[in-house]
Amino acid sequence: MTKEWKMAVRRGSIEELARLAAAGVDVDARDEHGPTALMQAAVHGHTHVVEWLVGKGAELDHTAKYGLRALMLAVVNGHVAIVRILVRAGATLELSGTGAPGFAGKTALDIAKARGDQDIAAILETRDDGPVLVSNPHFAVARSWREAATMLTFRPCEPLHTAGCDLQSLRIHIRDHKLRDVAIEDRTLEARYAKFVVSQSRTGALEARRLAFDVSYGPSARAARIAHYNAHVYDLGPEPPLEDIDGRSPAVVTWADGEMFYLVASGEMSSEELMAIAISLYEGDA
């Protein structure tokens, strides 16, 4: 994150942010401590900046120190309007913090109740299902796996084993960072569950292998097998010390299946649990 972008967020200047974004600044860029612009705006209570960033496709569930996300930061700072915007935009309510005693294992709702903030707790408990004020222009939301299949050129695989986690959303990447349409054959499906994410895309055989085996998703990878396919597994990192600003390394499983690239990831679940989820993608075809 550039100093100019960071200062524009702190000042709450939409005009400066729009100029910098047009010049190519990534709206999800992180500062030296990990937070994105959306997180910083949530801390400072810049409601208009939060709304603008969400409209620009800012990632809602990025994590920083202690596993905190923009929604949790808005709750901690008592910004009711921002909590409502993030909930309506689709921020994941079930994610919990890590690392610090005040946040470890606690969701945004838990934090609101601990603070005695009844207004925010009511929004989170009811999920405030009023009209969505802002939406993420980079993704289309499917209401079912069957509907998702109509938006792709491959048949998406639904995990039969989810470790008791409910499906939160099915999102299809339909526009790139410059809001250009992504060709239907290049779209990626992202299935978000309460504690993990499954990503599926048809990239071509060479690219699928590159993404699965040449790209690093953690400190070290070990070989494994998913059904009949080679895979790389990255273990969940240890709980970080309180002064660690980089957070915890997530557990990740990646593999290539012909032209398909698959990734399963979680900042809370073990690699063994993710392996079981990955293998279950094929159990429906057994």
C-alpha atoms as a PDB file:
ATOM      1  CA  MET A   1       0.000   0.000   0.000  1.00  0.00           C
ATOM      2  CA  THR A   2       1.442   3.375  -1.017  1.00  0.00           C
ATOM      3  CA  LYS A   3       1.647   6.217   1.489  1.00  0.00           C
ATOM      4  CA  GLU A   4      -0.571   8.342  -0.775  1.00  0.00           C
ATOM      5  CA  TRP A   5      -3.308   5.670  -0.828  1.00  0.00           C
ATOM      6  CA  LYS A   6      -3.081   5.190   2.947  1.00  0.00           C
ATOM      7  CA  MET A   7      -3.379   8.923   3.629  1.00  0.00           C
ATOM      8  CA  ALA A   8      -6.336   9.230   1.241  1.00  0.00           C
ATOM      9  CA  VAL A   9      -8.139   6.533   3.237  1.00  0.00           C
ATOM     10  CA  ARG A  10      -7.381   8.249   6.537  1.00  0.00           C
ATOM     11  CA  ARG A  11      -8.623  11.566   5.174  1.00  0.00           C
ATOM     12  CA  GLY A  12     -11.720   9.889   3.807  1.00  0.00           C
ATOM     13  CA  SER A  13     -11.143  11.396   0.366  1.00  0.00           C
ATOM     14  CA  ILE A  14     -13.139   9.562  -2.297  1.00  0.00           C
ATOM     15  CA  GLU A  15     -11.766  11.929  -4.945  1.00  0.00           C
ATOM     16  CA  GLU A  16      -8.149  10.975  -4.135  1.00  0.00           C
ATOM     17  CA  LEU A  17      -8.990   7.276  -3.897  1.00  0.00           C
ATOM     18  CA  ALA A  18     -10.777   7.319  -7.254  1.00  0.00           C
ATOM     19  CA  ARG A  19      -7.787   9.027  -8.881  1.00  0.00           C
ATOM     20  CA  LEU A  20      -5.332   6.524  -7.427  1.00  0.00           C
ATOM     21  CA  ALA A  21      -7.534   3.539  -8.335  1.00  0.00           C
ATOM     22  CA  ALA A  22      -7.780   4.814 -11.913  1.00  0.00           C
ATOM     23  CA  ALA A  23      -3.971   4.962 -11.951  1.00  0.00           C
ATOM     24  CA  GLY A  24      -3.816   1.271 -11.084  1.00  0.00           C
ATOM     25  CA  VAL A  25      -3.659   1.094  -7.286  1.00  0.00           C
ATOM     26  CA  ASP A  26      -5.071  -2.207  -5.980  1.00  0.00           C
ATOM     27  CA  VAL A  27      -8.062  -1.519  -3.710  1.00  0.00           C
ATOM     28  CA  ASP A  28      -7.034  -4.553  -1.630  1.00  0.00           C
ATOM     29  CA  ALA A  29      -3.418  -3.439  -1.143  1.00  0.00           C
ATOM     30  CA  ARG A  30      -2.187  -3.918   2.435  1.00  0.00           C
ATOM     31  CA  ASP A  31      -0.109  -1.544   4.536  1.00  0.00           C
ATOM     32  CA  GLU A  32       3.008  -2.631   6.420  1.00  0.00           C
ATOM     33  CA  HIS A  33       0.891  -4.032   9.267  1.00  0.00           C
ATOM     34  CA  GLY A  34      -1.520  -6.062   7.125  1.00  0.00           C
ATOM     35  CA  PRO A  35      -4.815  -4.078   7.002  1.00  0.00           C
ATOM     36  CA  THR A  36      -6.410  -3.104   3.697  1.00  0.00           C
ATOM     37  CA  ALA A  37      -8.086   0.211   2.939  1.00  0.00           C
ATOM     38  CA  LEU A  38     -11.466  -1.316   3.798  1.00  0.00           C
ATOM     39  CA  MET A  39     -10.204  -2.329   7.241  1.00  0.00           C
ATOM     40  CA  GLN A  40      -8.743   1.120   7.869  1.00  0.00           C
ATOM     41  CA  ALA A  41     -11.934   2.852   6.762  1.00  0.00           C
ATOM     42  CA  ALA A  42     -13.908   0.572   9.089  1.00  0.00           C
ATOM     43  CA  VAL A  43     -11.662   1.587  11.993  1.00  0.00           C
ATOM     44  CA  HIS A  44     -11.890   5.310  11.280  1.00  0.00           C
ATOM     45  CA  GLY A  45     -15.644   5.255  10.697  1.00  0.00           C
ATOM     46  CA  HIS A  46     -15.493   6.546   7.110  1.00  0.00           C
ATOM     47  CA  THR A  47     -18.859   5.185   6.019  1.00  0.00           C
ATOM     48  CA  HIS A  48     -18.705   6.751   2.560  1.00  0.00           C
ATOM     49  CA  VAL A  49     -15.250   5.260   1.943  1.00  0.00           C
ATOM     50  CA  VAL A  50     -16.428   1.797   3.011  1.00  0.00           C
ATOM     51  CA  GLU A  51     -19.382   2.052   0.649  1.00  0.00           C
ATOM     52  CA  TRP A  52     -17.135   3.218  -2.209  1.00  0.00           C
ATOM     53  CA  LEU A  53     -14.568   0.453  -1.623  1.00  0.00           C
ATOM     54  CA  VAL A  54     -17.217  -2.266  -1.490  1.00  0.00           C
ATOM     55  CA  GLY A  55     -18.684  -0.902  -4.700  1.00  0.00           C
ATOM     56  CA  LYS A  56     -15.215  -1.154  -6.248  1.00  0.00           C
ATOM     57  CA  GLY A  57     -15.032  -4.824  -5.346  1.00  0.00           C
ATOM     58  CA  ALA A  58     -12.884  -4.698  -2.208  1.00  0.00           C
ATOM     59  CA  GLU A  59     -12.490  -8.113  -0.573  1.00  0.00           C
ATOM     60  CA  LEU A  60     -14.762  -8.168   2.478  1.00  0.00           C
ATOM     61  CA  ASP A  61     -13.078 -10.920   4.480  1.00  0.00           C
ATOM     62  CA  HIS A  62      -9.357 -10.157   4.283  1.00  0.00           C
ATOM     63  CA  THR A  63      -7.694 -10.736   7.659  1.00  0.00           C
ATOM     64  CA  ALA A  64      -5.027  -8.800   9.521  1.00  0.00           C
ATOM     65  CA  LYS A  65      -3.578  -9.068  13.018  1.00  0.00           C
ATOM     66  CA  TYR A  66      -5.461 -11.437  15.361  1.00  0.00           C
ATOM     67  CA  GLY A  67      -7.634 -12.642  12.471  1.00  0.00           C
ATOM     68  CA  LEU A  68      -9.631  -9.404  12.524  1.00  0.00           C
ATOM     69  CA  ARG A  69     -11.614  -8.392   9.448  1.00  0.00           C
ATOM     70  CA  ALA A  70     -13.307  -5.170   8.385  1.00  0.00           C
ATOM     71  CA  LEU A  71     -16.611  -6.278   9.937  1.00  0.00           C
ATOM     72  CA  MET A  72     -15.009  -7.058  13.301  1.00  0.00           C
ATOM     73  CA  LEU A  73     -13.103  -3.775  13.263  1.00  0.00           C
ATOM     74  CA  ALA A  74     -16.335  -1.875  12.623  1.00  0.00           C
ATOM     75  CA  VAL A  75     -17.928  -3.734  15.549  1.00  0.00           C
ATOM     76  CA  VAL A  76     -14.991  -3.060  17.890  1.00  0.00           C
ATOM     77  CA  ASN A  77     -15.192   0.644  17.080  1.00  0.00           C
ATOM     78  CA  GLY A  78     -18.983   0.832  17.307  1.00  0.00           C
ATOM     79  CA  HIS A  79     -19.651   1.971  13.727  1.00  0.00           C
ATOM     80  CA  VAL A  80     -23.237   0.823  13.234  1.00  0.00           C
ATOM     81  CA  ALA A  81     -23.709   2.111   9.677  1.00  0.00           C
ATOM     82  CA  ILE A  82     -20.538   0.403   8.487  1.00  0.00           C
ATOM     83  CA  VAL A  83     -21.563  -2.881  10.103  1.00  0.00           C
ATOM     84  CA  ARG A  84     -24.877  -2.673   8.244  1.00  0.00           C
ATOM     85  CA  ILE A  85     -23.151  -1.969   4.896  1.00  0.00           C
ATOM     86  CA  LEU A  86     -20.731  -4.873   5.300  1.00  0.00           C
ATOM     87  CA  VAL A  87     -23.450  -7.309   6.372  1.00  0.00           C
ATOM     88  CA  ARG A  88     -25.679  -6.372   3.444  1.00  0.00           C
ATOM     89  CA  ALA A  89     -22.712  -6.602   1.060  1.00  0.00           C
ATOM     90  CA  GLY A  90     -22.083 -10.198   2.119  1.00  0.00           C
ATOM     91  CA  ALA A  91     -19.304 -10.159   4.727  1.00  0.00           C
ATOM     92  CA  THR A  92     -19.037 -13.584   6.353  1.00  0.00           C
ATOM     93  CA  LEU A  93     -20.546 -13.396   9.845  1.00  0.00           C
ATOM     94  CA  GLU A  94     -19.340 -16.767  11.104  1.00  0.00           C
ATOM     95  CA  LEU A  95     -15.585 -16.091  10.865  1.00  0.00           C
ATOM     96  CA  SER A  96     -13.780 -15.741  14.188  1.00  0.00           C
ATOM     97  CA  GLY A  97     -10.677 -13.960  15.410  1.00  0.00           C
ATOM     98  CA  THR A  98      -7.409 -15.572  16.456  1.00  0.00           C
ATOM     99  CA  GLY A  99      -4.385 -14.777  18.564  1.00  0.00           C
ATOM    100  CA  ALA A 100      -5.489 -12.304  21.225  1.00  0.00           C
ATOM    101  CA  PRO A 101      -7.622 -13.324  24.245  1.00  0.00           C
ATOM    102  CA  GLY A 102     -10.171 -10.624  23.473  1.00  0.00           C
ATOM    103  CA  PHE A 103     -10.780 -11.920  19.942  1.00  0.00           C
ATOM    104  CA  ALA A 104      -9.655 -15.560  19.753  1.00  0.00           C
ATOM    105  CA  GLY A 105     -12.561 -17.789  18.742  1.00  0.00           C
ATOM    106  CA  LYS A 106     -15.027 -14.892  18.758  1.00  0.00           C
ATOM    107  CA  THR A 107     -17.229 -13.834  15.871  1.00  0.00           C
ATOM    108  CA  ALA A 108     -18.367 -10.276  15.186  1.00  0.00           C
ATOM    109  CA  LEU A 109     -21.597 -11.063  17.054  1.00  0.00           C
ATOM    110  CA  ASP A 110     -19.680 -12.386  20.060  1.00  0.00           C
ATOM    111  CA  ILE A 111     -17.651  -9.172  20.158  1.00  0.00           C
ATOM    112  CA  ALA A 112     -20.765  -6.997  19.886  1.00  0.00           C
ATOM    113  CA  LYS A 113     -22.439  -8.845  22.763  1.00  0.00           C
ATOM    114  CA  ALA A 114     -19.291  -8.613  24.891  1.00  0.00           C
ATOM    115  CA  ARG A 115     -19.304  -4.849  24.308  1.00  0.00           C
ATOM    116  CA  GLY A 116     -22.980  -4.635  25.165  1.00  0.00           C
ATOM    117  CA  ASP A 117     -23.716  -3.030  21.783  1.00  0.00           C
ATOM    118  CA  GLN A 118     -27.346  -3.997  21.269  1.00  0.00           C
ATOM    119  CA  ASP A 119     -27.812  -2.103  17.993  1.00  0.00           C
ATOM    120  CA  ILE A 120     -24.940  -3.877  16.273  1.00  0.00           C
ATOM    121  CA  ALA A 121     -25.841  -7.233  17.809  1.00  0.00           C
ATOM    122  CA  ALA A 122     -29.366  -6.883  16.418  1.00  0.00           C
ATOM    123  CA  ILE A 123     -27.994  -6.285  12.891  1.00  0.00           C
ATOM    124  CA  LEU A 124     -25.747  -9.328  13.125  1.00  0.00           C
ATOM    125  CA  GLU A 125     -28.374 -11.611  14.678  1.00  0.00           C
ATOM    126  CA  THR A 126     -31.012 -10.817  12.075  1.00  0.00           C
ATOM    127  CA  ARG A 127     -28.418 -10.509   9.272  1.00  0.00           C
ATOM    128  CA  ASP A 128     -30.280  -7.281   8.488  1.00  0.00           C
ATOM    129  CA  ASP A 129     -31.708  -8.679   5.266  1.00  0.00           C
ATOM    130  CA  GLY A 130     -32.883  -5.348   3.905  1.00  0.00           C
ATOM    131  CA  PRO A 131     -32.008  -4.246   0.385  1.00  0.00           C
ATOM    132  CA  VAL A 132     -28.337  -4.520  -0.494  1.00  0.00           C
ATOM    133  CA  LEU A 133     -26.982  -0.984  -0.721  1.00  0.00           C
ATOM    134  CA  VAL A 134     -23.727  -1.938  -2.422  1.00  0.00           C
ATOM    135  CA  SER A 135     -22.544  -5.058  -4.199  1.00  0.00           C
ATOM    136  CA  ASN A 136     -19.269  -6.499  -5.409  1.00  0.00           C
ATOM    137  CA  PRO A 137     -19.081  -5.853  -9.161  1.00  0.00           C
ATOM    138  CA  HIS A 138     -16.410  -8.514  -9.683  1.00  0.00           C
ATOM    139  CA  PHE A 139     -18.672 -11.410  -8.724  1.00  0.00           C
ATOM    140  CA  ALA A 140     -22.077 -12.802  -9.584  1.00  0.00           C
ATOM    141  CA  VAL A 141     -23.857 -14.742  -6.842  1.00  0.00           C
ATOM    142  CA  ALA A 142     -25.508 -18.073  -7.606  1.00  0.00           C
ATOM    143  CA  ARG A 143     -28.419 -19.267  -5.452  1.00  0.00           C
ATOM    144  CA  SER A 144     -27.562 -22.946  -5.909  1.00  0.00           C
ATOM    145  CA  TRP A 145     -24.913 -25.247  -7.354  1.00  0.00           C
ATOM    146  CA  ARG A 146     -27.262 -25.918 -10.267  1.00  0.00           C
ATOM    147  CA  GLU A 147     -27.515 -22.204 -11.023  1.00  0.00           C
ATOM    148  CA  ALA A 148     -23.726 -21.841 -10.696  1.00  0.00           C
ATOM    149  CA  ALA A 149     -23.287 -24.502 -13.397  1.00  0.00           C
ATOM    150  CA  THR A 150     -25.244 -22.347 -15.871  1.00  0.00           C
ATOM    151  CA  MET A 151     -22.703 -19.536 -15.400  1.00  0.00           C
ATOM    152  CA  LEU A 152     -19.645 -21.708 -16.116  1.00  0.00           C
ATOM    153  CA  THR A 153     -18.294 -23.981 -18.847  1.00  0.00           C
ATOM    154  CA  PHE A 154     -17.516 -26.776 -16.379  1.00  0.00           C
ATOM    155  CA  ARG A 155     -19.629 -28.725 -13.915  1.00  0.00           C
ATOM    156  CA  PRO A 156     -18.754 -27.461 -10.436  1.00  0.00           C
ATOM    157  CA  CYS A 157     -18.124 -30.126  -7.797  1.00  0.00           C
ATOM    158  CA  GLU A 158     -19.933 -29.784  -4.488  1.00  0.00           C
ATOM    159  CA  PRO A 159     -18.107 -31.188  -1.434  1.00  0.00           C
ATOM    160  CA  LEU A 160     -20.124 -33.900   0.274  1.00  0.00           C
ATOM    161  CA  HIS A 161     -18.050 -33.517   3.446  1.00  0.00           C
ATOM    162  CA  THR A 162     -18.064 -30.006   4.932  1.00  0.00           C
ATOM    163  CA  ALA A 163     -16.985 -30.702   8.551  1.00  0.00           C
ATOM    164  CA  GLY A 164     -20.354 -29.399   9.711  1.00  0.00           C
ATOM    165  CA  CYS A 165     -19.837 -25.985   8.063  1.00  0.00           C
ATOM    166  CA  ASP A 166     -22.769 -24.376   6.263  1.00  0.00           C
ATOM    167  CA  LEU A 167     -22.441 -22.949   2.770  1.00  0.00           C
ATOM    168  CA  GLN A 168     -22.356 -19.142   2.970  1.00  0.00           C
ATOM    169  CA  SER A 169     -22.179 -18.144  -0.694  1.00  0.00           C
ATOM    170  CA  LEU A 170     -21.461 -19.290  -4.254  1.00  0.00           C
ATOM    171  CA  ARG A 171     -19.660 -16.563  -6.183  1.00  0.00           C
ATOM    172  CA  ILE A 172     -18.494 -16.547  -9.797  1.00  0.00           C
ATOM    173  CA  HIS A 173     -15.704 -14.196 -10.838  1.00  0.00           C
ATOM    174  CA  ILE A 174     -17.166 -12.347 -13.825  1.00  0.00           C
ATOM    175  CA  ARG A 175     -15.093  -9.108 -14.001  1.00  0.00           C
ATOM    176  CA  ASP A 176     -11.396  -8.403 -13.534  1.00  0.00           C
ATOM    177  CA  HIS A 177      -9.794  -5.669 -11.419  1.00  0.00           C
ATOM    178  CA  LYS A 178     -10.467  -3.119 -14.182  1.00  0.00           C
ATOM    179  CA  LEU A 179     -14.130  -4.197 -14.348  1.00  0.00           C
ATOM    180  CA  ARG A 180     -13.663  -5.843 -17.742  1.00  0.00           C
ATOM    181  CA  ASP A 181     -15.870  -8.879 -18.388  1.00  0.00           C
ATOM    182  CA  VAL A 182     -14.184 -12.233 -17.832  1.00  0.00           C
ATOM    183  CA  ALA A 183     -14.946 -14.700 -20.629  1.00  0.00           C
ATOM    184  CA  ILE A 184     -17.257 -17.476 -19.453  1.00  0.00           C
ATOM    185  CA  GLU A 185     -14.588 -20.118 -20.119  1.00  0.00           C
ATOM    186  CA  ASP A 186     -12.165 -18.248 -17.810  1.00  0.00           C
ATOM    187  CA  ARG A 187     -14.483 -17.786 -14.834  1.00  0.00           C
ATOM    188  CA  THR A 188     -13.665 -19.057 -11.349  1.00  0.00           C
ATOM    189  CA  LEU A 189     -16.162 -20.454  -8.858  1.00  0.00           C
ATOM    190  CA  GLU A 190     -15.628 -19.628  -5.196  1.00  0.00           C
ATOM    191  CA  ALA A 191     -17.711 -21.552  -2.663  1.00  0.00           C
ATOM    192  CA  ARG A 192     -17.472 -19.982   0.786  1.00  0.00           C
ATOM    193  CA  TYR A 193     -18.311 -22.042   3.837  1.00  0.00           C
ATOM    194  CA  ALA A 194     -18.250 -20.894   7.462  1.00  0.00           C
ATOM    195  CA  LYS A 195     -14.617 -21.944   7.975  1.00  0.00           C
ATOM    196  CA  PHE A 196     -13.191 -22.740   4.546  1.00  0.00           C
ATOM    197  CA  VAL A 197     -13.244 -21.801   0.864  1.00  0.00           C
ATOM    198  CA  VAL A 198     -13.277 -24.043  -2.236  1.00  0.00           C
ATOM    199  CA  SER A 199     -12.100 -22.527  -5.522  1.00  0.00           C
ATOM    200  CA  GLN A 200     -12.584 -24.213  -8.906  1.00  0.00           C
ATOM    201  CA  SER A 201     -11.581 -23.019 -12.372  1.00  0.00           C
ATOM    202  CA  ARG A 202     -10.902 -24.377 -15.847  1.00  0.00           C
ATOM    203  CA  THR A 203      -7.508 -22.931 -16.733  1.00  0.00           C
ATOM    204  CA  GLY A 204      -6.071 -25.439 -19.201  1.00  0.00           C
ATOM    205  CA  ALA A 205      -3.807 -28.318 -18.258  1.00  0.00           C
ATOM    206  CA  LEU A 206      -0.508 -26.410 -18.190  1.00  0.00           C
ATOM    207  CA  GLU A 207      -1.869 -23.490 -16.167  1.00  0.00           C
ATOM    208  CA  ALA A 208      -3.681 -25.816 -13.780  1.00  0.00           C
ATOM    209  CA  ARG A 209      -0.422 -27.627 -13.041  1.00  0.00           C
ATOM    210  CA  ARG A 210       1.446 -24.344 -12.650  1.00  0.00           C
ATOM    211  CA  LEU A 211      -1.098 -22.999 -10.172  1.00  0.00           C
ATOM    212  CA  ALA A 212      -1.206 -26.266  -8.242  1.00  0.00           C
ATOM    213  CA  PHE A 213       2.511 -27.056  -8.051  1.00  0.00           C
ATOM    214  CA  ASP A 214       4.661 -24.060  -9.030  1.00  0.00           C
ATOM    215  CA  VAL A 215       2.868 -21.327  -7.079  1.00  0.00           C
ATOM    216  CA  SER A 216       3.591 -21.297  -3.334  1.00  0.00           C
ATOM    217  CA  TYR A 217       0.689 -21.021  -0.889  1.00  0.00           C
ATOM    218  CA  GLY A 218       2.677 -21.320   2.328  1.00  0.00           C
ATOM    219  CA  PRO A 219       6.098 -21.915   3.937  1.00  0.00           C
ATOM    220  CA  SER A 220       6.422 -25.502   2.669  1.00  0.00           C
ATOM    221  CA  ALA A 221       4.401 -28.011   0.678  1.00  0.00           C
ATOM    222  CA  ARG A 222       4.146 -31.773   0.984  1.00  0.00           C
ATOM    223  CA  ALA A 223       2.916 -34.178  -1.634  1.00  0.00           C
ATOM    224  CA  ALA A 224      -0.450 -35.921  -1.339  1.00  0.00           C
ATOM    225  CA  ARG A 225      -3.139 -37.525  -3.487  1.00  0.00           C
ATOM    226  CA  ILE A 226      -6.696 -36.338  -4.076  1.00  0.00           C
ATOM    227  CA  ALA A 227      -8.602 -39.185  -5.719  1.00  0.00           C
ATOM    228  CA  HIS A 228      -6.199 -40.155  -8.552  1.00  0.00           C
ATOM    229  CA  TYR A 229      -4.469 -36.764  -8.734  1.00  0.00           C
ATOM    230  CA  ASN A 230      -1.270 -35.379  -7.270  1.00  0.00           C
ATOM    231  CA  ALA A 231      -1.736 -32.567  -4.765  1.00  0.00           C
ATOM    232  CA  HIS A 232       0.225 -30.134  -2.636  1.00  0.00           C
ATOM    233  CA  VAL A 233      -0.690 -29.643   1.025  1.00  0.00           C
ATOM    234  CA  TYR A 234       0.270 -26.712   3.248  1.00  0.00           C
ATOM    235  CA  ASP A 235      -0.285 -27.094   6.982  1.00  0.00           C
ATOM    236  CA  LEU A 236      -2.074 -24.557   9.162  1.00  0.00           C
ATOM    237  CA  GLY A 237       0.465 -22.262  10.732  1.00  0.00           C
ATOM    238  CA  PRO A 238       0.884 -22.042  14.521  1.00  0.00           C
ATOM    239  CA  GLU A 239      -0.949 -19.454  16.567  1.00  0.00           C
ATOM    240  CA  PRO A 240       1.106 -16.271  16.148  1.00  0.00           C
ATOM    241  CA  PRO A 241       2.504 -14.341  19.117  1.00  0.00           C
ATOM    242  CA  LEU A 242       0.559 -11.219  20.028  1.00  0.00           C
ATOM    243  CA  GLU A 243       3.145  -8.929  18.439  1.00  0.00           C
ATOM    244  CA  ASP A 244       3.038 -10.784  15.101  1.00  0.00           C
ATOM    245  CA  ILE A 245       1.355  -8.557  12.530  1.00  0.00           C
ATOM    246  CA  ASP A 246       1.406 -11.119   9.736  1.00  0.00           C
ATOM    247  CA  GLY A 247      -1.182 -13.422  11.265  1.00  0.00           C
ATOM    248  CA  ARG A 248      -1.497 -17.168  10.888  1.00  0.00           C
ATOM    249  CA  SER A 249      -0.573 -19.064   7.715  1.00  0.00           C
ATOM    250  CA  PRO A 250      -3.707 -20.809   6.403  1.00  0.00           C
ATOM    251  CA  ALA A 251      -3.952 -24.499   5.597  1.00  0.00           C
ATOM    252  CA  VAL A 252      -4.208 -24.991   1.825  1.00  0.00           C
ATOM    253  CA  VAL A 253      -4.686 -27.971  -0.501  1.00  0.00           C
ATOM    254  CA  THR A 254      -4.135 -27.528  -4.254  1.00  0.00           C
ATOM    255  CA  TRP A 255      -4.308 -29.957  -7.159  1.00  0.00           C
ATOM    256  CA  ALA A 256      -4.798 -30.182 -10.919  1.00  0.00           C
ATOM    257  CA  ASP A 257      -7.377 -32.448 -12.533  1.00  0.00           C
ATOM    258  CA  GLY A 258      -6.790 -32.245 -16.281  1.00  0.00           C
ATOM    259  CA  GLU A 259      -7.740 -28.686 -17.259  1.00  0.00           C
ATOM    260  CA  MET A 260      -9.204 -27.959 -13.831  1.00  0.00           C
ATOM    261  CA  PHE A 261      -7.436 -26.219 -10.939  1.00  0.00           C
ATOM    262  CA  TYR A 262      -8.764 -26.743  -7.409  1.00  0.00           C
ATOM    263  CA  LEU A 263      -7.901 -25.052  -4.120  1.00  0.00           C
ATOM    264  CA  VAL A 264      -9.322 -25.588  -0.630  1.00  0.00           C
ATOM    265  CA  ALA A 265      -8.158 -23.212   2.104  1.00  0.00           C
ATOM    266  CA  SER A 266      -8.887 -22.311   5.724  1.00  0.00           C
ATOM    267  CA  GLY A 267      -7.342 -20.151   8.417  1.00  0.00           C
ATOM    268  CA  GLU A 268      -8.909 -22.299  11.132  1.00  0.00           C
ATOM    269  CA  MET A 269      -9.090 -25.914   9.976  1.00  0.00           C
ATOM    270  CA  SER A 270      -6.259 -28.443   9.750  1.00  0.00           C
ATOM    271  CA  SER A 271      -4.854 -29.692   6.450  1.00  0.00           C
ATOM    272  CA  GLU A 272      -6.219 -33.156   7.296  1.00  0.00           C
ATOM    273  CA  GLU A 273      -9.743 -31.731   7.482  1.00  0.00           C
ATOM    274  CA  LEU A 274      -9.230 -29.918   4.186  1.00  0.00           C
ATOM    275  CA  MET A 275      -7.983 -33.138   2.577  1.00  0.00           C
ATOM    276  CA  ALA A 276     -11.231 -34.861   3.589  1.00  0.00           C
ATOM    277  CA  ILE A 277     -13.227 -31.995   2.066  1.00  0.00           C
ATOM    278  CA  ALA A 278     -11.170 -32.135  -1.136  1.00  0.00           C
ATOM    279  CA  ILE A 279     -11.581 -35.892  -1.529  1.00  0.00           C
ATOM    280  CA  SER A 280     -15.338 -35.552  -1.017  1.00  0.00           C
ATOM    281  CA  LEU A 281     -15.562 -33.493  -4.233  1.00  0.00           C
ATOM    282  CA  TYR A 282     -15.196 -36.799  -6.081  1.00  0.00           C
ATOM    283  CA  GLU A 283     -17.417 -38.963  -3.909  1.00  0.00           C
ATOM    284  CA  GLY A 284     -20.566 -37.908  -5.710  1.00  0.00           C
ATOM    285  CA  ASP A 285     -19.190 -39.479  -8.898  1.00  0.00           C
ATOM    286  CA  ALA A 286     -18.191 -42.757  -7.247  1.00  0.00           C
END
